[in-house]
Amino acid sequence: MVQAEIRRRKGLGKTYSGNTVFASKIIGGDCGGYYGPKVWHSTDKYRKVIYRCNAKYKEGEPKCKTPTITEEDIKSAFIRAFNTLKENKEQLLDDCQYIQSTLGDTALIDAQLKSAIE
């Protein structure tokens, strides 16, 4: 499974990092690069973690124009999205169970395999 995940990440064609919970989860709209965390003012009282496109200053490429996002804004958006899902928990669970039963129903495939063997 690990090897499959490594192949999947290589197939994305971008540098993937799972260093933080939000790293490589946000994709910029300008160049399609992953956003990653960067620290501004790392040694003073104005320290702030922001996320920006990892390819923003890639050498030999046009500068990516996607804006930076603060970690606080990302966390806030995540909480809003999570709470929306939580409010619709029953519908979400019903949908997941339907998808699981639909995609997990192997009766037709099993029957085809059985008839091919016989």
N, C-alpha and C. Protein backbone atom coordinates (compact mmCIF):
# COMPACT_ATOMS: atom_id res chain seq x y z
N MET A 1 0.82 -1.19 0.00
CA MET A 1 0.00 0.00 0.00
C MET A 1 0.87 1.26 0.00
N VAL A 2 2.00 1.19 0.72
CA VAL A 2 2.90 2.34 0.75
C VAL A 2 3.47 2.60 -0.65
N GLN A 3 3.85 1.53 -1.33
CA GLN A 3 4.40 1.69 -2.68
C GLN A 3 3.35 2.27 -3.63
N ALA A 4 2.10 1.86 -3.47
CA ALA A 4 1.03 2.40 -4.30
C ALA A 4 0.85 3.90 -4.03
N GLU A 5 0.95 4.30 -2.76
CA GLU A 5 0.83 5.72 -2.42
C GLU A 5 2.01 6.52 -2.98
N ILE A 6 3.20 5.96 -2.94
CA ILE A 6 4.37 6.63 -3.51
C ILE A 6 4.18 6.82 -5.00
N ARG A 7 3.69 5.79 -5.70
CA ARG A 7 3.43 5.90 -7.14
C ARG A 7 2.36 6.95 -7.42
N ARG A 8 1.32 6.97 -6.59
CA ARG A 8 0.24 7.95 -6.78
C ARG A 8 0.79 9.37 -6.65
N ARG A 9 1.60 9.60 -5.64
CA ARG A 9 2.15 10.94 -5.43
C ARG A 9 3.09 11.34 -6.56
N LYS A 10 3.89 10.40 -7.04
CA LYS A 10 4.78 10.70 -8.18
C LYS A 10 3.96 11.03 -9.42
N GLY A 11 2.84 10.34 -9.60
CA GLY A 11 1.98 10.57 -10.76
C GLY A 11 1.31 11.93 -10.76
N LEU A 12 1.27 12.59 -9.61
CA LEU A 12 0.64 13.90 -9.53
C LEU A 12 1.47 14.96 -10.25
N GLY A 13 2.76 14.68 -10.41
CA GLY A 13 3.61 15.61 -11.14
C GLY A 13 3.99 16.85 -10.35
N LYS A 14 3.72 16.86 -9.06
CA LYS A 14 4.05 17.99 -8.22
C LYS A 14 4.73 17.47 -6.96
N THR A 15 5.45 18.33 -6.28
CA THR A 15 6.08 17.94 -5.03
C THR A 15 5.00 17.82 -3.97
N TYR A 16 4.96 16.68 -3.31
CA TYR A 16 3.95 16.42 -2.29
C TYR A 16 4.63 16.43 -0.93
N SER A 17 4.02 17.07 0.05
CA SER A 17 4.55 17.09 1.40
C SER A 17 3.41 16.88 2.38
N GLY A 18 3.61 16.02 3.32
CA GLY A 18 2.62 15.81 4.35
C GLY A 18 3.13 16.27 5.70
N ASN A 19 3.98 17.31 5.69
CA ASN A 19 4.60 17.78 6.93
C ASN A 19 3.60 18.36 7.92
N THR A 20 2.56 19.00 7.43
CA THR A 20 1.53 19.53 8.31
C THR A 20 0.17 19.04 7.81
N VAL A 21 -0.83 19.22 8.61
CA VAL A 21 -2.15 18.67 8.28
C VAL A 21 -2.73 19.25 7.00
N PHE A 22 -2.39 20.50 6.67
CA PHE A 22 -2.95 21.13 5.48
C PHE A 22 -1.98 21.14 4.29
N ALA A 23 -0.73 20.74 4.51
CA ALA A 23 0.26 20.75 3.42
C ALA A 23 -0.19 19.82 2.31
N SER A 24 -0.06 20.28 1.09
CA SER A 24 -0.40 19.52 -0.11
C SER A 24 -1.88 19.15 -0.20
N LYS A 25 -2.71 19.85 0.53
CA LYS A 25 -4.16 19.63 0.45
C LYS A 25 -4.84 20.77 -0.31
N ILE A 26 -4.16 21.92 -0.38
CA ILE A 26 -4.70 23.09 -1.06
C ILE A 26 -3.94 23.26 -2.37
N ILE A 27 -4.68 23.45 -3.44
CA ILE A 27 -4.07 23.59 -4.76
C ILE A 27 -4.38 24.98 -5.30
N GLY A 28 -3.33 25.66 -5.76
CA GLY A 28 -3.48 27.01 -6.28
C GLY A 28 -4.23 27.03 -7.60
N GLY A 29 -5.02 28.07 -7.81
CA GLY A 29 -5.82 28.18 -9.01
C GLY A 29 -5.06 28.70 -10.22
N ASP A 30 -3.91 29.33 -10.00
CA ASP A 30 -3.15 29.91 -11.11
C ASP A 30 -2.31 28.85 -11.83
N CYS A 31 -1.44 28.17 -11.08
CA CYS A 31 -0.54 27.21 -11.73
C CYS A 31 -0.85 25.76 -11.37
N GLY A 32 -1.75 25.55 -10.41
CA GLY A 32 -2.09 24.18 -10.02
C GLY A 32 -1.12 23.56 -9.05
N GLY A 33 -0.20 24.36 -8.49
CA GLY A 33 0.77 23.84 -7.53
C GLY A 33 0.17 23.70 -6.15
N TYR A 34 0.79 22.84 -5.34
CA TYR A 34 0.35 22.66 -3.96
C TYR A 34 0.73 23.87 -3.11
N TYR A 35 -0.10 24.18 -2.16
CA TYR A 35 0.23 25.18 -1.15
C TYR A 35 0.98 24.49 -0.03
N GLY A 36 1.92 25.21 0.56
CA GLY A 36 2.66 24.68 1.70
C GLY A 36 2.88 25.78 2.72
N PRO A 37 3.20 25.39 3.95
CA PRO A 37 3.38 26.39 5.01
C PRO A 37 4.72 27.10 4.88
N LYS A 38 4.70 28.38 5.18
CA LYS A 38 5.90 29.21 5.23
C LYS A 38 5.78 30.06 6.49
N VAL A 39 6.90 30.34 7.12
CA VAL A 39 6.89 31.14 8.35
C VAL A 39 7.43 32.53 8.04
N TRP A 40 6.63 33.53 8.38
CA TRP A 40 7.06 34.92 8.25
C TRP A 40 7.50 35.40 9.63
N HIS A 41 8.53 36.19 9.69
CA HIS A 41 9.04 36.76 10.95
C HIS A 41 9.27 35.66 11.99
N SER A 42 10.04 34.66 11.62
CA SER A 42 10.20 33.49 12.48
C SER A 42 10.84 33.77 13.83
N THR A 43 11.58 34.84 13.94
CA THR A 43 12.30 35.09 15.19
C THR A 43 11.82 36.30 15.96
N ASP A 44 10.70 36.89 15.58
CA ASP A 44 10.24 38.05 16.34
C ASP A 44 8.76 37.93 16.71
N LYS A 45 8.24 38.96 17.34
CA LYS A 45 6.87 38.90 17.87
C LYS A 45 5.80 38.89 16.77
N TYR A 46 6.19 39.16 15.53
CA TYR A 46 5.24 39.18 14.42
C TYR A 46 5.15 37.84 13.69
N ARG A 47 5.69 36.80 14.30
CA ARG A 47 5.73 35.47 13.68
C ARG A 47 4.34 35.06 13.23
N LYS A 48 4.27 34.54 12.00
CA LYS A 48 2.99 34.12 11.44
C LYS A 48 3.23 32.99 10.45
N VAL A 49 2.37 31.98 10.48
CA VAL A 49 2.44 30.88 9.50
C VAL A 49 1.43 31.18 8.40
N ILE A 50 1.93 31.21 7.19
CA ILE A 50 1.07 31.42 6.03
C ILE A 50 1.25 30.23 5.09
N TYR A 51 0.30 30.05 4.21
CA TYR A 51 0.41 29.03 3.16
C TYR A 51 0.44 29.76 1.83
N ARG A 52 1.35 29.32 0.97
CA ARG A 52 1.43 29.87 -0.38
C ARG A 52 1.83 28.75 -1.32
N CYS A 53 1.63 29.01 -2.60
CA CYS A 53 1.97 28.03 -3.62
C CYS A 53 3.46 27.71 -3.53
N ASN A 54 3.78 26.43 -3.47
CA ASN A 54 5.18 26.02 -3.41
C ASN A 54 5.94 26.37 -4.68
N ALA A 55 5.23 26.58 -5.78
CA ALA A 55 5.88 26.90 -7.06
C ALA A 55 5.89 28.40 -7.34
N LYS A 56 5.53 29.22 -6.35
CA LYS A 56 5.39 30.66 -6.56
C LYS A 56 6.67 31.29 -7.11
N TYR A 57 7.81 30.86 -6.64
CA TYR A 57 9.08 31.44 -7.08
C TYR A 57 9.96 30.40 -7.76
N LYS A 58 9.34 29.44 -8.41
CA LYS A 58 10.09 28.39 -9.09
C LYS A 58 10.90 29.01 -10.23
N GLU A 59 12.17 28.68 -10.24
CA GLU A 59 13.07 29.24 -11.24
C GLU A 59 12.68 28.80 -12.65
N GLY A 60 12.73 29.75 -13.56
CA GLY A 60 12.44 29.44 -14.96
C GLY A 60 10.97 29.40 -15.31
N GLU A 61 10.10 29.66 -14.37
CA GLU A 61 8.65 29.63 -14.59
C GLU A 61 8.07 31.01 -14.30
N PRO A 62 6.96 31.37 -14.92
CA PRO A 62 6.32 32.64 -14.55
C PRO A 62 5.87 32.59 -13.09
N LYS A 63 5.95 33.72 -12.43
CA LYS A 63 5.57 33.78 -11.01
C LYS A 63 4.09 33.46 -10.84
N CYS A 64 3.79 32.52 -9.96
CA CYS A 64 2.41 32.14 -9.66
C CYS A 64 1.72 33.33 -8.98
N LYS A 65 0.49 33.61 -9.39
CA LYS A 65 -0.22 34.78 -8.88
C LYS A 65 -1.22 34.47 -7.77
N THR A 66 -1.28 33.23 -7.32
CA THR A 66 -2.24 32.91 -6.26
C THR A 66 -1.82 33.60 -4.96
N PRO A 67 -2.78 34.08 -4.18
CA PRO A 67 -2.45 34.80 -2.95
C PRO A 67 -2.05 33.85 -1.82
N THR A 68 -1.44 34.42 -0.81
CA THR A 68 -1.13 33.64 0.39
C THR A 68 -2.40 33.56 1.25
N ILE A 69 -2.43 32.54 2.10
CA ILE A 69 -3.56 32.35 3.01
C ILE A 69 -2.96 32.12 4.40
N THR A 70 -3.52 32.76 5.40
CA THR A 70 -3.01 32.54 6.76
C THR A 70 -3.50 31.19 7.27
N GLU A 71 -2.71 30.64 8.16
CA GLU A 71 -3.10 29.36 8.76
C GLU A 71 -4.41 29.49 9.52
N GLU A 72 -4.62 30.65 10.14
CA GLU A 72 -5.87 30.88 10.88
C GLU A 72 -7.08 30.83 9.94
N ASP A 73 -6.94 31.43 8.74
CA ASP A 73 -8.04 31.41 7.77
C ASP A 73 -8.33 29.99 7.29
N ILE A 74 -7.28 29.20 7.10
CA ILE A 74 -7.47 27.81 6.67
C ILE A 74 -8.18 27.02 7.75
N LYS A 75 -7.74 27.18 8.98
CA LYS A 75 -8.37 26.47 10.10
C LYS A 75 -9.84 26.86 10.24
N SER A 76 -10.11 28.15 10.10
CA SER A 76 -11.48 28.65 10.21
C SER A 76 -12.36 28.05 9.10
N ALA A 77 -11.85 28.02 7.88
CA ALA A 77 -12.61 27.45 6.76
C ALA A 77 -12.84 25.96 6.97
N PHE A 78 -11.84 25.26 7.50
CA PHE A 78 -11.99 23.83 7.77
C PHE A 78 -13.09 23.59 8.82
N ILE A 79 -13.08 24.37 9.87
CA ILE A 79 -14.09 24.22 10.93
C ILE A 79 -15.48 24.50 10.38
N ARG A 80 -15.63 25.52 9.55
CA ARG A 80 -16.94 25.82 8.94
C ARG A 80 -17.40 24.65 8.08
N ALA A 81 -16.50 24.10 7.27
CA ALA A 81 -16.85 22.96 6.41
C ALA A 81 -17.21 21.75 7.26
N PHE A 82 -16.43 21.49 8.29
CA PHE A 82 -16.70 20.35 9.17
C PHE A 82 -18.06 20.50 9.86
N ASN A 83 -18.35 21.70 10.34
CA ASN A 83 -19.63 21.93 11.00
C ASN A 83 -20.80 21.77 10.04
N THR A 84 -20.61 22.14 8.78
CA THR A 84 -21.65 21.93 7.77
C THR A 84 -21.91 20.44 7.61
N LEU A 85 -20.83 19.66 7.54
CA LEU A 85 -20.99 18.21 7.44
C LEU A 85 -21.67 17.65 8.69
N LYS A 86 -21.30 18.17 9.84
CA LYS A 86 -21.87 17.69 11.10
C LYS A 86 -23.36 17.98 11.16
N GLU A 87 -23.77 19.15 10.65
CA GLU A 87 -25.19 19.51 10.65
C GLU A 87 -25.99 18.55 9.78
N ASN A 88 -25.37 18.06 8.72
CA ASN A 88 -26.04 17.14 7.79
C ASN A 88 -25.55 15.71 7.98
N LYS A 89 -25.20 15.37 9.21
CA LYS A 89 -24.58 14.09 9.52
C LYS A 89 -25.42 12.90 9.05
N GLU A 90 -26.69 12.91 9.34
CA GLU A 90 -27.55 11.78 8.98
C GLU A 90 -27.60 11.58 7.46
N GLN A 91 -27.77 12.67 6.71
CA GLN A 91 -27.80 12.59 5.25
C GLN A 91 -26.46 12.11 4.72
N LEU A 92 -25.39 12.62 5.29
CA LEU A 92 -24.04 12.21 4.88
C LEU A 92 -23.82 10.72 5.12
N LEU A 93 -24.22 10.23 6.28
CA LEU A 93 -24.08 8.81 6.59
C LEU A 93 -24.93 7.95 5.66
N ASP A 94 -26.16 8.40 5.39
CA ASP A 94 -27.02 7.67 4.46
C ASP A 94 -26.38 7.60 3.07
N ASP A 95 -25.83 8.73 2.61
CA ASP A 95 -25.18 8.76 1.30
C ASP A 95 -23.97 7.83 1.27
N CYS A 96 -23.18 7.85 2.32
CA CYS A 96 -21.99 6.99 2.39
C CYS A 96 -22.39 5.51 2.39
N GLN A 97 -23.43 5.17 3.13
CA GLN A 97 -23.88 3.78 3.16
C GLN A 97 -24.41 3.36 1.79
N TYR A 98 -25.11 4.25 1.11
CA TYR A 98 -25.61 3.95 -0.24
C TYR A 98 -24.44 3.72 -1.20
N ILE A 99 -23.47 4.60 -1.16
CA ILE A 99 -22.30 4.46 -2.03
C ILE A 99 -21.56 3.17 -1.72
N GLN A 100 -21.38 2.88 -0.45
CA GLN A 100 -20.68 1.65 -0.06
C GLN A 100 -21.43 0.42 -0.54
N SER A 101 -22.74 0.41 -0.38
CA SER A 101 -23.50 -0.77 -0.81
C SER A 101 -23.53 -0.90 -2.32
N THR A 102 -23.58 0.25 -3.01
CA THR A 102 -23.61 0.23 -4.47
C THR A 102 -22.26 -0.21 -5.04
N LEU A 103 -21.20 0.42 -4.58
CA LEU A 103 -19.87 0.10 -5.11
C LEU A 103 -19.33 -1.21 -4.55
N GLY A 104 -19.80 -1.59 -3.37
CA GLY A 104 -19.31 -2.81 -2.75
C GLY A 104 -20.08 -4.05 -3.14
N ASP A 105 -21.13 -3.89 -3.94
CA ASP A 105 -21.92 -5.05 -4.35
C ASP A 105 -21.19 -5.77 -5.49
N THR A 106 -20.62 -6.91 -5.15
CA THR A 106 -19.84 -7.67 -6.13
C THR A 106 -20.59 -8.89 -6.66
N ALA A 107 -21.87 -8.95 -6.41
CA ALA A 107 -22.65 -10.13 -6.82
C ALA A 107 -22.55 -10.38 -8.32
N LEU A 108 -22.68 -9.34 -9.13
CA LEU A 108 -22.61 -9.49 -10.58
C LEU A 108 -21.23 -9.97 -11.01
N ILE A 109 -20.18 -9.37 -10.46
CA ILE A 109 -18.81 -9.79 -10.80
C ILE A 109 -18.57 -11.22 -10.35
N ASP A 110 -19.02 -11.57 -9.15
CA ASP A 110 -18.86 -12.93 -8.65
C ASP A 110 -19.55 -13.94 -9.57
N ALA A 111 -20.75 -13.60 -10.01
CA ALA A 111 -21.49 -14.48 -10.92
C ALA A 111 -20.76 -14.65 -12.25
N GLN A 112 -20.22 -13.55 -12.78
CA GLN A 112 -19.47 -13.63 -14.04
C GLN A 112 -18.21 -14.49 -13.89
N LEU A 113 -17.52 -14.32 -12.79
CA LEU A 113 -16.33 -15.13 -12.53
C LEU A 113 -16.68 -16.61 -12.40
N LYS A 114 -17.78 -16.88 -11.70
CA LYS A 114 -18.20 -18.25 -11.50
C LYS A 114 -18.56 -18.91 -12.85
N SER A 115 -19.29 -18.17 -13.69
CA SER A 115 -19.67 -18.74 -14.99
C SER A 115 -18.45 -18.89 -15.90
N ALA A 116 -17.46 -18.05 -15.77
CA ALA A 116 -16.24 -18.17 -16.58
C ALA A 116 -15.42 -19.37 -16.17
N ILE A 117 -15.44 -19.70 -14.89
CA ILE A 117 -14.69 -20.86 -14.40
C ILE A 117 -15.37 -22.17 -14.81
N GLU A 118 -16.69 -22.17 -14.82
CA GLU A 118 -17.43 -23.42 -15.09
C GLU A 118 -17.43 -23.78 -16.52
